[in-house]
Amino acid sequence: MSKEINQNIVFYAFRYALGRRTYAVSDVVDYLKENWEELDNQTQVQIRNEIGKAIDREQAGSHCDIKKWRELL
């Protein structure tokens, strides 16, 4: 049984967490991993692109946060 998620809310949470140095990063990454197949392809691509750019610009948070974000790449 597929669960329905609100992709907008998920994306807002992602945008909030990206670049922050908080436990929210771990929570958001774990949620995204658990629900990745429920996201449409465009959202998946956008998330991966934004993570990559944030890492390249050194704006993805602390080293532990970057390690967590890389789980989605």
PDB file of N, CA and C in Angstrom:
ATOM      1  N   MET A   1       0.841  -1.187   0.000  1.00  0.00           N
ATOM      2  CA  MET A   1       0.000   0.000   0.000  1.00  0.00           C
ATOM      3  C   MET A   1       0.881   1.243   0.000  1.00  0.00           C
ATOM      4  N   SER A   2       0.687   2.098  -0.956  1.00  0.00           N
ATOM      5  CA  SER A   2       1.469   3.318  -1.070  1.00  0.00           C
ATOM      6  C   SER A   2       0.874   4.404  -0.193  1.00  0.00           C
ATOM      7  N   LYS A   3       1.730   5.079   0.548  1.00  0.00           N
ATOM      8  CA  LYS A   3       1.229   6.175   1.371  1.00  0.00           C
ATOM      9  C   LYS A   3       1.321   7.471   0.585  1.00  0.00           C
ATOM     10  N   GLU A   4       0.405   8.356   0.847  1.00  0.00           N
ATOM     11  CA  GLU A   4       0.385   9.620   0.146  1.00  0.00           C
ATOM     12  C   GLU A   4       1.121  10.666   0.980  1.00  0.00           C
ATOM     13  N   ILE A   5       2.047  11.378   0.335  1.00  0.00           N
ATOM     14  CA  ILE A   5       2.769  12.439   1.026  1.00  0.00           C
ATOM     15  C   ILE A   5       2.521  13.754   0.302  1.00  0.00           C
ATOM     16  N   ASN A   6       2.655  14.830   1.028  1.00  0.00           N
ATOM     17  CA  ASN A   6       2.523  16.152   0.437  1.00  0.00           C
ATOM     18  C   ASN A   6       3.913  16.588  -0.017  1.00  0.00           C
ATOM     19  N   GLN A   7       4.167  16.518  -1.317  1.00  0.00           N
ATOM     20  CA  GLN A   7       5.495  16.816  -1.848  1.00  0.00           C
ATOM     21  C   GLN A   7       5.928  18.251  -1.568  1.00  0.00           C
ATOM     22  N   ASN A   8       4.988  19.169  -1.560  1.00  0.00           N
ATOM     23  CA  ASN A   8       5.345  20.556  -1.262  1.00  0.00           C
ATOM     24  C   ASN A   8       5.897  20.684   0.155  1.00  0.00           C
ATOM     25  N   ILE A   9       5.228  20.088   1.108  1.00  0.00           N
ATOM     26  CA  ILE A   9       5.683  20.158   2.496  1.00  0.00           C
ATOM     27  C   ILE A   9       7.034  19.479   2.651  1.00  0.00           C
ATOM     28  N   VAL A  10       7.209  18.355   1.997  1.00  0.00           N
ATOM     29  CA  VAL A  10       8.489  17.645   2.041  1.00  0.00           C
ATOM     30  C   VAL A  10       9.586  18.534   1.463  1.00  0.00           C
ATOM     31  N   PHE A  11       9.309  19.195   0.344  1.00  0.00           N
ATOM     32  CA  PHE A  11      10.307  20.055  -0.279  1.00  0.00           C
ATOM     33  C   PHE A  11      10.617  21.267   0.599  1.00  0.00           C
ATOM     34  N   TYR A  12       9.599  21.827   1.245  1.00  0.00           N
ATOM     35  CA  TYR A  12       9.833  22.958   2.155  1.00  0.00           C
ATOM     36  C   TYR A  12      10.735  22.533   3.307  1.00  0.00           C
ATOM     37  N   ALA A  13      10.508  21.354   3.839  1.00  0.00           N
ATOM     38  CA  ALA A  13      11.350  20.841   4.927  1.00  0.00           C
ATOM     39  C   ALA A  13      12.786  20.651   4.445  1.00  0.00           C
ATOM     40  N   PHE A  14      12.935  20.118   3.249  1.00  0.00           N
ATOM     41  CA  PHE A  14      14.265  19.956   2.663  1.00  0.00           C
ATOM     42  C   PHE A  14      14.963  21.304   2.556  1.00  0.00           C
ATOM     43  N   ARG A  15      14.280  22.284   1.986  1.00  0.00           N
ATOM     44  CA  ARG A  15      14.875  23.615   1.812  1.00  0.00           C
ATOM     45  C   ARG A  15      15.234  24.241   3.159  1.00  0.00           C
ATOM     46  N   TYR A  16      14.402  24.029   4.159  1.00  0.00           N
ATOM     47  CA  TYR A  16      14.697  24.547   5.495  1.00  0.00           C
ATOM     48  C   TYR A  16      15.975  23.921   6.042  1.00  0.00           C
ATOM     49  N   ALA A  17      16.112  22.626   5.890  1.00  0.00           N
ATOM     50  CA  ALA A  17      17.214  21.893   6.510  1.00  0.00           C
ATOM     51  C   ALA A  17      18.548  22.068   5.778  1.00  0.00           C
ATOM     52  N   LEU A  18      18.508  22.242   4.465  1.00  0.00           N
ATOM     53  CA  LEU A  18      19.746  22.326   3.693  1.00  0.00           C
ATOM     54  C   LEU A  18      20.549  23.554   4.131  1.00  0.00           C
ATOM     55  N   GLY A  19      21.753  23.308   4.609  1.00  0.00           N
ATOM     56  CA  GLY A  19      22.631  24.391   5.036  1.00  0.00           C
ATOM     57  C   GLY A  19      22.582  24.701   6.517  1.00  0.00           C
ATOM     58  N   ARG A  20      21.637  24.111   7.216  1.00  0.00           N
ATOM     59  CA  ARG A  20      21.551  24.346   8.655  1.00  0.00           C
ATOM     60  C   ARG A  20      22.409  23.345   9.406  1.00  0.00           C
ATOM     61  N   ARG A  21      22.801  23.748  10.572  1.00  0.00           N
ATOM     62  CA  ARG A  21      23.578  22.880  11.462  1.00  0.00           C
ATOM     63  C   ARG A  21      22.666  22.512  12.633  1.00  0.00           C
ATOM     64  N   THR A  22      21.820  21.515  12.364  1.00  0.00           N
ATOM     65  CA  THR A  22      20.811  21.118  13.339  1.00  0.00           C
ATOM     66  C   THR A  22      20.435  19.662  13.109  1.00  0.00           C
ATOM     67  N   TYR A  23      19.817  19.050  14.106  1.00  0.00           N
ATOM     68  CA  TYR A  23      19.361  17.669  13.964  1.00  0.00           C
ATOM     69  C   TYR A  23      18.310  17.524  12.878  1.00  0.00           C
ATOM     70  N   ALA A  24      17.735  18.630  12.431  1.00  0.00           N
ATOM     71  CA  ALA A  24      16.717  18.573  11.375  1.00  0.00           C
ATOM     72  C   ALA A  24      17.282  17.944  10.104  1.00  0.00           C
ATOM     73  N   VAL A  25      18.577  18.128   9.859  1.00  0.00           N
ATOM     74  CA  VAL A  25      19.186  17.553   8.665  1.00  0.00           C
ATOM     75  C   VAL A  25      19.011  16.036   8.666  1.00  0.00           C
ATOM     76  N   SER A  26      19.368  15.403   9.748  1.00  0.00           N
ATOM     77  CA  SER A  26      19.252  13.948   9.850  1.00  0.00           C
ATOM     78  C   SER A  26      17.803  13.496   9.691  1.00  0.00           C
ATOM     79  N   ASP A  27      16.889  14.193  10.349  1.00  0.00           N
ATOM     80  CA  ASP A  27      15.473  13.838  10.256  1.00  0.00           C
ATOM     81  C   ASP A  27      14.960  13.956   8.821  1.00  0.00           C
ATOM     82  N   VAL A  28      15.314  15.051   8.158  1.00  0.00           N
ATOM     83  CA  VAL A  28      14.831  15.282   6.792  1.00  0.00           C
ATOM     84  C   VAL A  28      15.441  14.272   5.832  1.00  0.00           C
ATOM     85  N   VAL A  29      16.740  14.026   5.935  1.00  0.00           N
ATOM     86  CA  VAL A  29      17.374  13.054   5.045  1.00  0.00           C
ATOM     87  C   VAL A  29      16.759  11.675   5.248  1.00  0.00           C
ATOM     88  N   ASP A  30      16.583  11.267   6.488  1.00  0.00           N
ATOM     89  CA  ASP A  30      15.980   9.955   6.754  1.00  0.00           C
ATOM     90  C   ASP A  30      14.571   9.866   6.177  1.00  0.00           C
ATOM     91  N   TYR A  31      13.783  10.927   6.331  1.00  0.00           N
ATOM     92  CA  TYR A  31      12.424  10.932   5.780  1.00  0.00           C
ATOM     93  C   TYR A  31      12.464  10.860   4.253  1.00  0.00           C
ATOM     94  N   LEU A  32      13.355  11.632   3.649  1.00  0.00           N
ATOM     95  CA  LEU A  32      13.468  11.598   2.194  1.00  0.00           C
ATOM     96  C   LEU A  32      13.853  10.210   1.705  1.00  0.00           C
ATOM     97  N   LYS A  33      14.798   9.578   2.367  1.00  0.00           N
ATOM     98  CA  LYS A  33      15.211   8.230   1.963  1.00  0.00           C
ATOM     99  C   LYS A  33      14.052   7.244   2.080  1.00  0.00           C
ATOM    100  N   GLU A  34      13.287   7.341   3.145  1.00  0.00           N
ATOM    101  CA  GLU A  34      12.160   6.426   3.365  1.00  0.00           C
ATOM    102  C   GLU A  34      11.037   6.642   2.353  1.00  0.00           C
ATOM    103  N   ASN A  35      10.928   7.852   1.834  1.00  0.00           N
ATOM    104  CA  ASN A  35       9.807   8.205   0.958  1.00  0.00           C
ATOM    105  C   ASN A  35      10.245   8.600  -0.444  1.00  0.00           C
ATOM    106  N   TRP A  36      11.484   8.294  -0.796  1.00  0.00           N
ATOM    107  CA  TRP A  36      12.047   8.731  -2.076  1.00  0.00           C
ATOM    108  C   TRP A  36      11.194   8.313  -3.267  1.00  0.00           C
ATOM    109  N   GLU A  37      10.707   7.097  -3.264  1.00  0.00           N
ATOM    110  CA  GLU A  37       9.921   6.589  -4.396  1.00  0.00           C
ATOM    111  C   GLU A  37       8.565   7.286  -4.520  1.00  0.00           C
ATOM    112  N   GLU A  38       8.121   7.950  -3.482  1.00  0.00           N
ATOM    113  CA  GLU A  38       6.842   8.671  -3.526  1.00  0.00           C
ATOM    114  C   GLU A  38       6.986  10.055  -4.150  1.00  0.00           C
ATOM    115  N   LEU A  39       8.227  10.536  -4.276  1.00  0.00           N
ATOM    116  CA  LEU A  39       8.471  11.844  -4.874  1.00  0.00           C
ATOM    117  C   LEU A  39       8.527  11.711  -6.385  1.00  0.00           C
ATOM    118  N   ASP A  40       8.004  12.701  -7.085  1.00  0.00           N
ATOM    119  CA  ASP A  40       8.091  12.633  -8.539  1.00  0.00           C
ATOM    120  C   ASP A  40       9.531  12.897  -8.983  1.00  0.00           C
ATOM    121  N   ASN A  41       9.837  12.508 -10.213  1.00  0.00           N
ATOM    122  CA  ASN A  41      11.189  12.602 -10.739  1.00  0.00           C
ATOM    123  C   ASN A  41      11.724  14.034 -10.689  1.00  0.00           C
ATOM    124  N   GLN A  42      10.904  15.000 -11.017  1.00  0.00           N
ATOM    125  CA  GLN A  42      11.326  16.404 -11.015  1.00  0.00           C
ATOM    126  C   GLN A  42      11.781  16.831  -9.619  1.00  0.00           C
ATOM    127  N   THR A  43      11.057  16.432  -8.598  1.00  0.00           N
ATOM    128  CA  THR A  43      11.421  16.773  -7.227  1.00  0.00           C
ATOM    129  C   THR A  43      12.720  16.089  -6.829  1.00  0.00           C
ATOM    130  N   GLN A  44      12.879  14.832  -7.199  1.00  0.00           N
ATOM    131  CA  GLN A  44      14.119  14.116  -6.895  1.00  0.00           C
ATOM    132  C   GLN A  44      15.321  14.808  -7.534  1.00  0.00           C
ATOM    133  N   VAL A  45      15.189  15.178  -8.793  1.00  0.00           N
ATOM    134  CA  VAL A  45      16.275  15.848  -9.510  1.00  0.00           C
ATOM    135  C   VAL A  45      16.590  17.194  -8.863  1.00  0.00           C
ATOM    136  N   GLN A  46      15.569  17.946  -8.517  1.00  0.00           N
ATOM    137  CA  GLN A  46      15.755  19.259  -7.893  1.00  0.00           C
ATOM    138  C   GLN A  46      16.485  19.126  -6.554  1.00  0.00           C
ATOM    139  N   ILE A  47      16.076  18.171  -5.750  1.00  0.00           N
ATOM    140  CA  ILE A  47      16.721  17.954  -4.454  1.00  0.00           C
ATOM    141  C   ILE A  47      18.187  17.600  -4.651  1.00  0.00           C
ATOM    142  N   ARG A  48      18.460  16.670  -5.528  1.00  0.00           N
ATOM    143  CA  ARG A  48      19.857  16.264  -5.764  1.00  0.00           C
ATOM    144  C   ARG A  48      20.691  17.424  -6.301  1.00  0.00           C
ATOM    145  N   ASN A  49      20.133  18.202  -7.213  1.00  0.00           N
ATOM    146  CA  ASN A  49      20.861  19.356  -7.755  1.00  0.00           C
ATOM    147  C   ASN A  49      21.175  20.379  -6.666  1.00  0.00           C
ATOM    148  N   GLU A  50      20.206  20.669  -5.824  1.00  0.00           N
ATOM    149  CA  GLU A  50      20.414  21.657  -4.775  1.00  0.00           C
ATOM    150  C   GLU A  50      21.420  21.168  -3.739  1.00  0.00           C
ATOM    151  N   ILE A  51      21.389  19.886  -3.424  1.00  0.00           N
ATOM    152  CA  ILE A  51      22.376  19.334  -2.494  1.00  0.00           C
ATOM    153  C   ILE A  51      23.772  19.465  -3.096  1.00  0.00           C
ATOM    154  N   GLY A  52      23.930  19.067  -4.348  1.00  0.00           N
ATOM    155  CA  GLY A  52      25.226  19.151  -5.011  1.00  0.00           C
ATOM    156  C   GLY A  52      25.771  20.571  -5.037  1.00  0.00           C
ATOM    157  N   LYS A  53      24.922  21.525  -5.382  1.00  0.00           N
ATOM    158  CA  LYS A  53      25.347  22.934  -5.425  1.00  0.00           C
ATOM    159  C   LYS A  53      25.720  23.439  -4.041  1.00  0.00           C
ATOM    160  N   ALA A  54      24.936  23.081  -3.041  1.00  0.00           N
ATOM    161  CA  ALA A  54      25.234  23.529  -1.675  1.00  0.00           C
ATOM    162  C   ALA A  54      26.560  22.957  -1.184  1.00  0.00           C
ATOM    163  N   ILE A  55      26.822  21.706  -1.505  1.00  0.00           N
ATOM    164  CA  ILE A  55      28.093  21.093  -1.120  1.00  0.00           C
ATOM    165  C   ILE A  55      29.242  21.784  -1.858  1.00  0.00           C
ATOM    166  N   ASP A  56      29.092  21.994  -3.156  1.00  0.00           N
ATOM    167  CA  ASP A  56      30.139  22.657  -3.943  1.00  0.00           C
ATOM    168  C   ASP A  56      30.446  24.055  -3.423  1.00  0.00           C
ATOM    169  N   ARG A  57      29.434  24.748  -2.952  1.00  0.00           N
ATOM    170  CA  ARG A  57      29.594  26.129  -2.459  1.00  0.00           C
ATOM    171  C   ARG A  57      29.938  26.183  -0.970  1.00  0.00           C
ATOM    172  N   GLU A  58      30.095  24.994  -0.380  1.00  0.00           N
ATOM    173  CA  GLU A  58      30.368  24.876   1.057  1.00  0.00           C
ATOM    174  C   GLU A  58      29.267  25.539   1.892  1.00  0.00           C
ATOM    175  N   GLN A  59      28.020  25.321   1.452  1.00  0.00           N
ATOM    176  CA  GLN A  59      26.852  25.888   2.124  1.00  0.00           C
ATOM    177  C   GLN A  59      25.863  24.803   2.554  1.00  0.00           C
ATOM    178  N   ALA A  60      26.376  23.591   2.736  1.00  0.00           N
ATOM    179  CA  ALA A  60      25.487  22.472   3.070  1.00  0.00           C
ATOM    180  C   ALA A  60      25.504  22.142   4.555  1.00  0.00           C
ATOM    181  N   GLY A  61      26.187  22.947   5.352  1.00  0.00           N
ATOM    182  CA  GLY A  61      26.223  22.693   6.785  1.00  0.00           C
ATOM    183  C   GLY A  61      27.571  22.168   7.225  1.00  0.00           C
ATOM    184  N   SER A  62      27.585  21.567   8.394  1.00  0.00           N
ATOM    185  CA  SER A  62      28.803  20.999   8.970  1.00  0.00           C
ATOM    186  C   SER A  62      29.195  19.716   8.241  1.00  0.00           C
ATOM    187  N   HIS A  63      30.384  19.219   8.542  1.00  0.00           N
ATOM    188  CA  HIS A  63      30.856  17.983   7.906  1.00  0.00           C
ATOM    189  C   HIS A  63      29.889  16.823   8.136  1.00  0.00           C
ATOM    190  N   CYS A  64      29.334  16.730   9.342  1.00  0.00           N
ATOM    191  CA  CYS A  64      28.390  15.639   9.609  1.00  0.00           C
ATOM    192  C   CYS A  64      27.112  15.805   8.786  1.00  0.00           C
ATOM    193  N   ASP A  65      26.709  17.054   8.540  1.00  0.00           N
ATOM    194  CA  ASP A  65      25.525  17.313   7.713  1.00  0.00           C
ATOM    195  C   ASP A  65      25.796  16.944   6.257  1.00  0.00           C
ATOM    196  N   ILE A  66      26.965  17.317   5.766  1.00  0.00           N
ATOM    197  CA  ILE A  66      27.336  17.000   4.389  1.00  0.00           C
ATOM    198  C   ILE A  66      27.367  15.489   4.189  1.00  0.00           C
ATOM    199  N   LYS A  67      27.921  14.793   5.151  1.00  0.00           N
ATOM    200  CA  LYS A  67      27.944  13.330   5.076  1.00  0.00           C
ATOM    201  C   LYS A  67      26.525  12.775   4.961  1.00  0.00           C
ATOM    202  N   LYS A  68      25.612  13.342   5.731  1.00  0.00           N
ATOM    203  CA  LYS A  68      24.219  12.901   5.701  1.00  0.00           C
ATOM    204  C   LYS A  68      23.577  13.231   4.350  1.00  0.00           C
ATOM    205  N   TRP A  69      23.792  14.456   3.843  1.00  0.00           N
ATOM    206  CA  TRP A  69      23.214  14.846   2.552  1.00  0.00           C
ATOM    207  C   TRP A  69      23.697  13.963   1.436  1.00  0.00           C
ATOM    208  N   ARG A  70      24.949  13.534   1.503  1.00  0.00           N
ATOM    209  CA  ARG A  70      25.516  12.695   0.445  1.00  0.00           C
ATOM    210  C   ARG A  70      24.785  11.344   0.339  1.00  0.00           C
ATOM    211  N   GLU A  71      24.072  10.958   1.362  1.00  0.00           N
ATOM    212  CA  GLU A  71      23.303   9.710   1.304  1.00  0.00           C
ATOM    213  C   GLU A  71      22.224   9.762   0.230  1.00  0.00           C
ATOM    214  N   LEU A  72      21.847  10.967  -0.182  1.00  0.00           N
ATOM    215  CA  LEU A  72      20.799  11.130  -1.201  1.00  0.00           C
ATOM    216  C   LEU A  72      21.357  11.289  -2.611  1.00  0.00           C
ATOM    217  N   LEU A  73      22.656  11.429  -2.711  1.00  0.00           N
ATOM    218  CA  LEU A  73      23.269  11.644  -4.033  1.00  0.00           C
ATOM    219  C   LEU A  73      23.587  10.331  -4.721  1.00  0.00           C
TER     220      LEU A  73
END
